[in-house]
Amino acid sequence: MKTIKNHEKRKAIEKDLKQKMMLFDRIPDHCVACQKAFDKTDIDVVSSWTVVVRNEEETVNLYCPECIEKAKTIITDFKKKKLEDKKK
C-alpha cells in the first residue's frame, strides 16, 4: 500500500514539474509593463526580476525590479485607502 502511495506521489510531482517546465518556455524577453529588455544570460538580471505565473490562464509575466516595486507600492496604497474607507 505504501509503494502505491509513493508511486502516485512521484507521478503527481513529475506532472507538476512537467507543467512548470512548459510554462518556463513562455517567459517573455522583456518586462510586460515597461518593455525593458530581459537578458537571460546575466545572473544579476535573472535574480532581480520577478516572474508571475497565472496557472488558470497559463500565462507567464515578467517584471523588472522598478515595475514590481511600483506595483507593490500601488497595492499597499490601495489597501491603506480601503482600510480608511472601512473606518469611515
PDB file of N, CA and C in Angstrom:
ATOM      1  N   MET A   1       0.820  -1.186   0.000  1.00  0.00           N
ATOM      2  CA  MET A   1       0.000   0.000   0.000  1.00  0.00           C
ATOM      3  C   MET A   1       0.872   1.261   0.000  1.00  0.00           C
ATOM      4  N   LYS A   2       1.968   1.204   0.751  1.00  0.00           N
ATOM      5  CA  LYS A   2       2.853   2.353   0.845  1.00  0.00           C
ATOM      6  C   LYS A   2       3.525   2.642  -0.490  1.00  0.00           C
ATOM      7  N   THR A   3       3.909   1.611  -1.227  1.00  0.00           N
ATOM      8  CA  THR A   3       4.559   1.820  -2.519  1.00  0.00           C
ATOM      9  C   THR A   3       3.598   2.432  -3.534  1.00  0.00           C
ATOM     10  N   ILE A   4       2.333   2.103  -3.433  1.00  0.00           N
ATOM     11  CA  ILE A   4       1.341   2.685  -4.339  1.00  0.00           C
ATOM     12  C   ILE A   4       1.226   4.186  -4.078  1.00  0.00           C
ATOM     13  N   LYS A   5       1.182   4.572  -2.803  1.00  0.00           N
ATOM     14  CA  LYS A   5       1.089   5.989  -2.456  1.00  0.00           C
ATOM     15  C   LYS A   5       2.332   6.733  -2.902  1.00  0.00           C
ATOM     16  N   ASN A   6       3.502   6.126  -2.709  1.00  0.00           N
ATOM     17  CA  ASN A   6       4.754   6.747  -3.144  1.00  0.00           C
ATOM     18  C   ASN A   6       4.781   6.919  -4.652  1.00  0.00           C
ATOM     19  N   HIS A   7       4.305   5.903  -5.364  1.00  0.00           N
ATOM     20  CA  HIS A   7       4.269   5.954  -6.827  1.00  0.00           C
ATOM     21  C   HIS A   7       3.327   7.067  -7.292  1.00  0.00           C
ATOM     22  N   GLU A   8       2.165   7.158  -6.671  1.00  0.00           N
ATOM     23  CA  GLU A   8       1.196   8.194  -7.038  1.00  0.00           C
ATOM     24  C   GLU A   8       1.744   9.590  -6.721  1.00  0.00           C
ATOM     25  N   LYS A   9       2.422   9.706  -5.592  1.00  0.00           N
ATOM     26  CA  LYS A   9       3.006  10.982  -5.204  1.00  0.00           C
ATOM     27  C   LYS A   9       4.099  11.391  -6.192  1.00  0.00           C
ATOM     28  N   ARG A  10       4.943  10.442  -6.565  1.00  0.00           N
ATOM     29  CA  ARG A  10       6.013  10.722  -7.521  1.00  0.00           C
ATOM     30  C   ARG A  10       5.443  11.137  -8.871  1.00  0.00           C
ATOM     31  N   LYS A  11       4.393  10.454  -9.318  1.00  0.00           N
ATOM     32  CA  LYS A  11       3.751  10.787 -10.591  1.00  0.00           C
ATOM     33  C   LYS A  11       3.169  12.198 -10.550  1.00  0.00           C
ATOM     34  N   ALA A  12       2.557  12.567  -9.429  1.00  0.00           N
ATOM     35  CA  ALA A  12       1.984  13.902  -9.284  1.00  0.00           C
ATOM     36  C   ALA A  12       3.072  14.963  -9.330  1.00  0.00           C
ATOM     37  N   ILE A  13       4.196  14.701  -8.682  1.00  0.00           N
ATOM     38  CA  ILE A  13       5.319  15.632  -8.678  1.00  0.00           C
ATOM     39  C   ILE A  13       5.902  15.769 -10.089  1.00  0.00           C
ATOM     40  N   GLU A  14       6.035  14.656 -10.784  1.00  0.00           N
ATOM     41  CA  GLU A  14       6.553  14.689 -12.152  1.00  0.00           C
ATOM     42  C   GLU A  14       5.629  15.473 -13.080  1.00  0.00           C
ATOM     43  N   LYS A  15       4.329  15.287 -12.911  1.00  0.00           N
ATOM     44  CA  LYS A  15       3.347  16.005 -13.720  1.00  0.00           C
ATOM     45  C   LYS A  15       3.433  17.506 -13.451  1.00  0.00           C
ATOM     46  N   ASP A  16       3.554  17.882 -12.187  1.00  0.00           N
ATOM     47  CA  ASP A  16       3.661  19.286 -11.808  1.00  0.00           C
ATOM     48  C   ASP A  16       4.928  19.905 -12.385  1.00  0.00           C
ATOM     49  N   LEU A  17       6.035  19.205 -12.297  1.00  0.00           N
ATOM     50  CA  LEU A  17       7.304  19.687 -12.836  1.00  0.00           C
ATOM     51  C   LEU A  17       7.220  19.851 -14.351  1.00  0.00           C
ATOM     52  N   LYS A  18       6.609  18.913 -15.028  1.00  0.00           N
ATOM     53  CA  LYS A  18       6.468  18.980 -16.483  1.00  0.00           C
ATOM     54  C   LYS A  18       5.653  20.209 -16.879  1.00  0.00           C
ATOM     55  N   GLN A  19       4.586  20.467 -16.128  1.00  0.00           N
ATOM     56  CA  GLN A  19       3.746  21.627 -16.408  1.00  0.00           C
ATOM     57  C   GLN A  19       4.530  22.927 -16.191  1.00  0.00           C
ATOM     58  N   LYS A  20       5.320  22.987 -15.133  1.00  0.00           N
ATOM     59  CA  LYS A  20       6.120  24.182 -14.862  1.00  0.00           C
ATOM     60  C   LYS A  20       7.184  24.382 -15.925  1.00  0.00           C
ATOM     61  N   MET A  21       7.768  23.319 -16.420  1.00  0.00           N
ATOM     62  CA  MET A  21       8.779  23.431 -17.463  1.00  0.00           C
ATOM     63  C   MET A  21       8.165  23.954 -18.760  1.00  0.00           C
ATOM     64  N   MET A  22       6.933  23.554 -19.054  1.00  0.00           N
ATOM     65  CA  MET A  22       6.244  24.073 -20.237  1.00  0.00           C
ATOM     66  C   MET A  22       6.025  25.574 -20.099  1.00  0.00           C
ATOM     67  N   LEU A  23       5.668  26.025 -18.905  1.00  0.00           N
ATOM     68  CA  LEU A  23       5.455  27.445 -18.672  1.00  0.00           C
ATOM     69  C   LEU A  23       6.769  28.221 -18.714  1.00  0.00           C
ATOM     70  N   PHE A  24       7.863  27.580 -18.352  1.00  0.00           N
ATOM     71  CA  PHE A  24       9.175  28.220 -18.378  1.00  0.00           C
ATOM     72  C   PHE A  24       9.525  28.681 -19.795  1.00  0.00           C
ATOM     73  N   ASP A  25       9.095  27.935 -20.782  1.00  0.00           N
ATOM     74  CA  ASP A  25       9.352  28.297 -22.174  1.00  0.00           C
ATOM     75  C   ASP A  25       8.584  29.548 -22.587  1.00  0.00           C
ATOM     76  N   ARG A  26       7.587  29.916 -21.813  1.00  0.00           N
ATOM     77  CA  ARG A  26       6.749  31.070 -22.154  1.00  0.00           C
ATOM     78  C   ARG A  26       7.232  32.380 -21.521  1.00  0.00           C
ATOM     79  N   ILE A  27       8.365  32.375 -20.846  1.00  0.00           N
ATOM     80  CA  ILE A  27       8.872  33.599 -20.222  1.00  0.00           C
ATOM     81  C   ILE A  27       9.203  34.600 -21.327  1.00  0.00           C
ATOM     82  N   PRO A  28       8.631  35.804 -21.230  1.00  0.00           N
ATOM     83  CA  PRO A  28       8.920  36.818 -22.248  1.00  0.00           C
ATOM     84  C   PRO A  28      10.373  37.282 -22.190  1.00  0.00           C
ATOM     85  N   ASP A  29      10.794  38.019 -23.203  1.00  0.00           N
ATOM     86  CA  ASP A  29      12.159  38.538 -23.228  1.00  0.00           C
ATOM     87  C   ASP A  29      12.215  40.021 -22.861  1.00  0.00           C
ATOM     88  N   HIS A  30      11.126  40.521 -22.244  1.00  0.00           N
ATOM     89  CA  HIS A  30      11.056  41.917 -21.829  1.00  0.00           C
ATOM     90  C   HIS A  30      10.050  42.069 -20.682  1.00  0.00           C
ATOM     91  N   CYS A  31      10.147  43.187 -19.971  1.00  0.00           N
ATOM     92  CA  CYS A  31       9.195  43.495 -18.906  1.00  0.00           C
ATOM     93  C   CYS A  31       7.833  43.769 -19.546  1.00  0.00           C
ATOM     94  N   VAL A  32       6.785  43.156 -19.038  1.00  0.00           N
ATOM     95  CA  VAL A  32       5.470  43.343 -19.645  1.00  0.00           C
ATOM     96  C   VAL A  32       4.895  44.723 -19.357  1.00  0.00           C
ATOM     97  N   ALA A  33       5.436  45.436 -18.379  1.00  0.00           N
ATOM     98  CA  ALA A  33       4.928  46.765 -18.045  1.00  0.00           C
ATOM     99  C   ALA A  33       5.651  47.870 -18.824  1.00  0.00           C
ATOM    100  N   CYS A  34       6.983  47.840 -18.844  1.00  0.00           N
ATOM    101  CA  CYS A  34       7.739  48.945 -19.459  1.00  0.00           C
ATOM    102  C   CYS A  34       8.507  48.534 -20.720  1.00  0.00           C
ATOM    103  N   GLN A  35       8.458  47.271 -21.077  1.00  0.00           N
ATOM    104  CA  GLN A  35       9.127  46.740 -22.275  1.00  0.00           C
ATOM    105  C   GLN A  35      10.652  46.739 -22.198  1.00  0.00           C
ATOM    106  N   LYS A  36      11.213  46.905 -20.995  1.00  0.00           N
ATOM    107  CA  LYS A  36      12.672  46.853 -20.814  1.00  0.00           C
ATOM    108  C   LYS A  36      13.158  45.442 -21.163  1.00  0.00           C
ATOM    109  N   ALA A  37      14.266  45.341 -21.876  1.00  0.00           N
ATOM    110  CA  ALA A  37      14.795  44.049 -22.327  1.00  0.00           C
ATOM    111  C   ALA A  37      15.275  43.209 -21.149  1.00  0.00           C
ATOM    112  N   PHE A  38      15.068  41.897 -21.247  1.00  0.00           N
ATOM    113  CA  PHE A  38      15.473  40.932 -20.225  1.00  0.00           C
ATOM    114  C   PHE A  38      16.610  40.092 -20.777  1.00  0.00           C
ATOM    115  N   ASP A  39      17.759  40.141 -20.111  1.00  0.00           N
ATOM    116  CA  ASP A  39      18.934  39.382 -20.531  1.00  0.00           C
ATOM    117  C   ASP A  39      19.001  38.085 -19.720  1.00  0.00           C
ATOM    118  N   LYS A  40      18.642  36.980 -20.350  1.00  0.00           N
ATOM    119  CA  LYS A  40      18.612  35.685 -19.670  1.00  0.00           C
ATOM    120  C   LYS A  40      20.003  35.174 -19.309  1.00  0.00           C
ATOM    121  N   THR A  41      21.043  35.769 -19.872  1.00  0.00           N
ATOM    122  CA  THR A  41      22.403  35.291 -19.617  1.00  0.00           C
ATOM    123  C   THR A  41      23.076  36.008 -18.459  1.00  0.00           C
ATOM    124  N   ASP A  42      22.510  37.116 -17.993  1.00  0.00           N
ATOM    125  CA  ASP A  42      23.083  37.892 -16.897  1.00  0.00           C
ATOM    126  C   ASP A  42      22.480  37.432 -15.571  1.00  0.00           C
ATOM    127  N   ILE A  43      23.297  36.870 -14.706  1.00  0.00           N
ATOM    128  CA  ILE A  43      22.809  36.312 -13.439  1.00  0.00           C
ATOM    129  C   ILE A  43      22.174  37.374 -12.557  1.00  0.00           C
ATOM    130  N   ASP A  44      22.747  38.585 -12.537  1.00  0.00           N
ATOM    131  CA  ASP A  44      22.170  39.661 -11.727  1.00  0.00           C
ATOM    132  C   ASP A  44      20.760  40.013 -12.199  1.00  0.00           C
ATOM    133  N   VAL A  45      20.566  40.057 -13.504  1.00  0.00           N
ATOM    134  CA  VAL A  45      19.247  40.367 -14.063  1.00  0.00           C
ATOM    135  C   VAL A  45      18.271  39.247 -13.736  1.00  0.00           C
ATOM    136  N   VAL A  46      18.682  38.031 -13.948  1.00  0.00           N
ATOM    137  CA  VAL A  46      17.810  36.874 -13.699  1.00  0.00           C
ATOM    138  C   VAL A  46      17.385  36.817 -12.242  1.00  0.00           C
ATOM    139  N   SER A  47      18.275  37.122 -11.321  1.00  0.00           N
ATOM    140  CA  SER A  47      17.939  37.023  -9.902  1.00  0.00           C
ATOM    141  C   SER A  47      17.141  38.211  -9.387  1.00  0.00           C
ATOM    142  N   SER A  48      17.146  39.336 -10.102  1.00  0.00           N
ATOM    143  CA  SER A  48      16.445  40.517  -9.600  1.00  0.00           C
ATOM    144  C   SER A  48      15.063  40.724 -10.222  1.00  0.00           C
ATOM    145  N   TRP A  49      14.789  40.125 -11.351  1.00  0.00           N
ATOM    146  CA  TRP A  49      13.489  40.286 -11.993  1.00  0.00           C
ATOM    147  C   TRP A  49      12.478  39.323 -11.376  1.00  0.00           C
ATOM    148  N   THR A  50      11.197  39.625 -11.547  1.00  0.00           N
ATOM    149  CA  THR A  50      10.129  38.827 -10.942  1.00  0.00           C
ATOM    150  C   THR A  50       9.284  38.166 -12.021  1.00  0.00           C
ATOM    151  N   VAL A  51       9.053  36.882 -11.857  1.00  0.00           N
ATOM    152  CA  VAL A  51       8.196  36.125 -12.767  1.00  0.00           C
ATOM    153  C   VAL A  51       6.881  35.843 -12.044  1.00  0.00           C
ATOM    154  N   VAL A  52       5.775  36.171 -12.719  1.00  0.00           N
ATOM    155  CA  VAL A  52       4.455  35.910 -12.157  1.00  0.00           C
ATOM    156  C   VAL A  52       3.747  34.924 -13.075  1.00  0.00           C
ATOM    157  N   VAL A  53       3.377  33.773 -12.514  1.00  0.00           N
ATOM    158  CA  VAL A  53       2.722  32.722 -13.287  1.00  0.00           C
ATOM    159  C   VAL A  53       1.258  32.656 -12.880  1.00  0.00           C
ATOM    160  N   ARG A  54       0.394  32.702 -13.853  1.00  0.00           N
ATOM    161  CA  ARG A  54      -1.039  32.535 -13.617  1.00  0.00           C
ATOM    162  C   ARG A  54      -1.428  31.194 -14.237  1.00  0.00           C
ATOM    163  N   ASN A  55      -1.571  30.204 -13.366  1.00  0.00           N
ATOM    164  CA  ASN A  55      -1.830  28.841 -13.835  1.00  0.00           C
ATOM    165  C   ASN A  55      -3.162  28.705 -14.559  1.00  0.00           C
ATOM    166  N   GLU A  56      -4.193  29.414 -14.084  1.00  0.00           N
ATOM    167  CA  GLU A  56      -5.509  29.284 -14.696  1.00  0.00           C
ATOM    168  C   GLU A  56      -5.486  29.705 -16.166  1.00  0.00           C
ATOM    169  N   GLU A  57      -4.809  30.836 -16.441  1.00  0.00           N
ATOM    170  CA  GLU A  57      -4.728  31.331 -17.816  1.00  0.00           C
ATOM    171  C   GLU A  57      -3.510  30.794 -18.551  1.00  0.00           C
ATOM    172  N   GLU A  58      -2.640  30.099 -17.838  1.00  0.00           N
ATOM    173  CA  GLU A  58      -1.385  29.577 -18.367  1.00  0.00           C
ATOM    174  C   GLU A  58      -0.557  30.702 -18.995  1.00  0.00           C
ATOM    175  N   THR A  59      -0.430  31.808 -18.241  1.00  0.00           N
ATOM    176  CA  THR A  59       0.378  32.924 -18.711  1.00  0.00           C
ATOM    177  C   THR A  59       1.554  33.138 -17.780  1.00  0.00           C
ATOM    178  N   VAL A  60       2.619  33.644 -18.342  1.00  0.00           N
ATOM    179  CA  VAL A  60       3.828  33.959 -17.587  1.00  0.00           C
ATOM    180  C   VAL A  60       4.157  35.424 -17.855  1.00  0.00           C
ATOM    181  N   ASN A  61       4.200  36.219 -16.795  1.00  0.00           N
ATOM    182  CA  ASN A  61       4.537  37.631 -16.921  1.00  0.00           C
ATOM    183  C   ASN A  61       5.873  37.887 -16.250  1.00  0.00           C
ATOM    184  N   LEU A  62       6.632  38.792 -16.823  1.00  0.00           N
ATOM    185  CA  LEU A  62       7.959  39.118 -16.339  1.00  0.00           C
ATOM    186  C   LEU A  62       8.008  40.607 -16.022  1.00  0.00           C
ATOM    187  N   TYR A  63       8.505  40.965 -14.825  1.00  0.00           N
ATOM    188  CA  TYR A  63       8.562  42.357 -14.394  1.00  0.00           C
ATOM    189  C   TYR A  63       9.971  42.719 -13.948  1.00  0.00           C
ATOM    190  N   CYS A  64      10.426  43.891 -14.387  1.00  0.00           N
ATOM    191  CA  CYS A  64      11.727  44.389 -13.947  1.00  0.00           C
ATOM    192  C   CYS A  64      11.595  44.878 -12.497  1.00  0.00           C
ATOM    193  N   PRO A  65      12.700  45.057 -11.788  1.00  0.00           N
ATOM    194  CA  PRO A  65      12.634  45.476 -10.379  1.00  0.00           C
ATOM    195  C   PRO A  65      11.891  46.799 -10.169  1.00  0.00           C
ATOM    196  N   GLU A  66      12.068  47.753 -11.079  1.00  0.00           N
ATOM    197  CA  GLU A  66      11.395  49.045 -10.928  1.00  0.00           C
ATOM    198  C   GLU A  66       9.880  48.900 -11.029  1.00  0.00           C
ATOM    199  N   CYS A  67       9.414  48.149 -12.002  1.00  0.00           N
ATOM    200  CA  CYS A  67       7.968  47.985 -12.204  1.00  0.00           C
ATOM    201  C   CYS A  67       7.329  47.178 -11.077  1.00  0.00           C
ATOM    202  N   ILE A  68       8.014  46.161 -10.569  1.00  0.00           N
ATOM    203  CA  ILE A  68       7.438  45.363  -9.489  1.00  0.00           C
ATOM    204  C   ILE A  68       7.356  46.192  -8.211  1.00  0.00           C
ATOM    205  N   GLU A  69       8.322  47.081  -7.980  1.00  0.00           N
ATOM    206  CA  GLU A  69       8.264  47.962  -6.812  1.00  0.00           C
ATOM    207  C   GLU A  69       7.109  48.950  -6.936  1.00  0.00           C
ATOM    208  N   LYS A  70       6.900  49.487  -8.141  1.00  0.00           N
ATOM    209  CA  LYS A  70       5.763  50.379  -8.371  1.00  0.00           C
ATOM    210  C   LYS A  70       4.457  49.653  -8.092  1.00  0.00           C
ATOM    211  N   ALA A  71       4.357  48.421  -8.558  1.00  0.00           N
ATOM    212  CA  ALA A  71       3.142  47.634  -8.350  1.00  0.00           C
ATOM    213  C   ALA A  71       2.905  47.369  -6.861  1.00  0.00           C
ATOM    214  N   LYS A  72       3.967  47.032  -6.138  1.00  0.00           N
ATOM    215  CA  LYS A  72       3.836  46.791  -4.701  1.00  0.00           C
ATOM    216  C   LYS A  72       3.383  48.057  -3.976  1.00  0.00           C
ATOM    217  N   THR A  73       3.914  49.214  -4.384  1.00  0.00           N
ATOM    218  CA  THR A  73       3.526  50.490  -3.778  1.00  0.00           C
ATOM    219  C   THR A  73       2.050  50.779  -4.044  1.00  0.00           C
ATOM    220  N   ILE A  74       1.615  50.558  -5.253  1.00  0.00           N
ATOM    221  CA  ILE A  74       0.217  50.789  -5.613  1.00  0.00           C
ATOM    222  C   ILE A  74      -0.699  49.888  -4.796  1.00  0.00           C
ATOM    223  N   ILE A  75      -0.332  48.628  -4.648  1.00  0.00           N
ATOM    224  CA  ILE A  75      -1.144  47.685  -3.879  1.00  0.00           C
ATOM    225  C   ILE A  75      -1.205  48.101  -2.413  1.00  0.00           C
ATOM    226  N   THR A  76      -0.079  48.498  -1.846  1.00  0.00           N
ATOM    227  CA  THR A  76      -0.039  48.941  -0.454  1.00  0.00           C
ATOM    228  C   THR A  76      -0.919  50.175  -0.256  1.00  0.00           C
ATOM    229  N   ASP A  77      -0.803  51.143  -1.168  1.00  0.00           N
ATOM    230  CA  ASP A  77      -1.627  52.349  -1.074  1.00  0.00           C
ATOM    231  C   ASP A  77      -3.106  52.019  -1.199  1.00  0.00           C
ATOM    232  N   PHE A  78      -3.432  51.101  -2.083  1.00  0.00           N
ATOM    233  CA  PHE A  78      -4.825  50.705  -2.270  1.00  0.00           C
ATOM    234  C   PHE A  78      -5.386  50.057  -1.005  1.00  0.00           C
ATOM    235  N   LYS A  79      -4.593  49.188  -0.389  1.00  0.00           N
ATOM    236  CA  LYS A  79      -5.034  48.534   0.854  1.00  0.00           C
ATOM    237  C   LYS A  79      -5.242  49.556   1.963  1.00  0.00           C
ATOM    238  N   LYS A  80      -4.346  50.529   2.074  1.00  0.00           N
ATOM    239  CA  LYS A  80      -4.487  51.574   3.092  1.00  0.00           C
ATOM    240  C   LYS A  80      -5.764  52.376   2.860  1.00  0.00           C
ATOM    241  N   LYS A  81      -6.019  52.735   1.610  1.00  0.00           N
ATOM    242  CA  LYS A  81      -7.215  53.510   1.281  1.00  0.00           C
ATOM    243  C   LYS A  81      -8.471  52.707   1.585  1.00  0.00           C
ATOM    244  N   LYS A  82      -8.449  51.450   1.280  1.00  0.00           N
ATOM    245  CA  LYS A  82      -9.603  50.579   1.536  1.00  0.00           C
ATOM    246  C   LYS A  82      -9.868  50.490   3.040  1.00  0.00           C
ATOM    247  N   LEU A  83      -8.816  50.362   3.860  1.00  0.00           N
ATOM    248  CA  LEU A  83      -8.977  50.330   5.309  1.00  0.00           C
ATOM    249  C   LEU A  83      -9.530  51.648   5.829  1.00  0.00           C
ATOM    250  N   GLU A  84      -9.057  52.753   5.289  1.00  0.00           N
ATOM    251  CA  GLU A  84      -9.555  54.067   5.697  1.00  0.00           C
ATOM    252  C   GLU A  84     -11.033  54.219   5.359  1.00  0.00           C
ATOM    253  N   ASP A  85     -11.417  53.720   4.182  1.00  0.00           N
ATOM    254  CA  ASP A  85     -12.816  53.806   3.769  1.00  0.00           C
ATOM    255  C   ASP A  85     -13.707  52.954   4.674  1.00  0.00           C
ATOM    256  N   LYS A  86     -13.210  51.821   5.135  1.00  0.00           N
ATOM    257  CA  LYS A  86     -13.979  50.960   6.045  1.00  0.00           C
ATOM    258  C   LYS A  86     -14.178  51.635   7.403  1.00  0.00           C
ATOM    259  N   LYS A  87     -13.159  52.374   7.848  1.00  0.00           N
ATOM    260  CA  LYS A  87     -13.245  53.030   9.153  1.00  0.00           C
ATOM    261  C   LYS A  87     -14.252  54.176   9.135  1.00  0.00           C
ATOM    262  N   LYS A  88     -14.525  54.743   7.990  1.00  0.00           N
ATOM    263  CA  LYS A  88     -15.445  55.873   7.890  1.00  0.00           C
ATOM    264  C   LYS A  88     -16.856  55.457   7.962  1.00  0.00           C
TER     265      LYS A  88
END
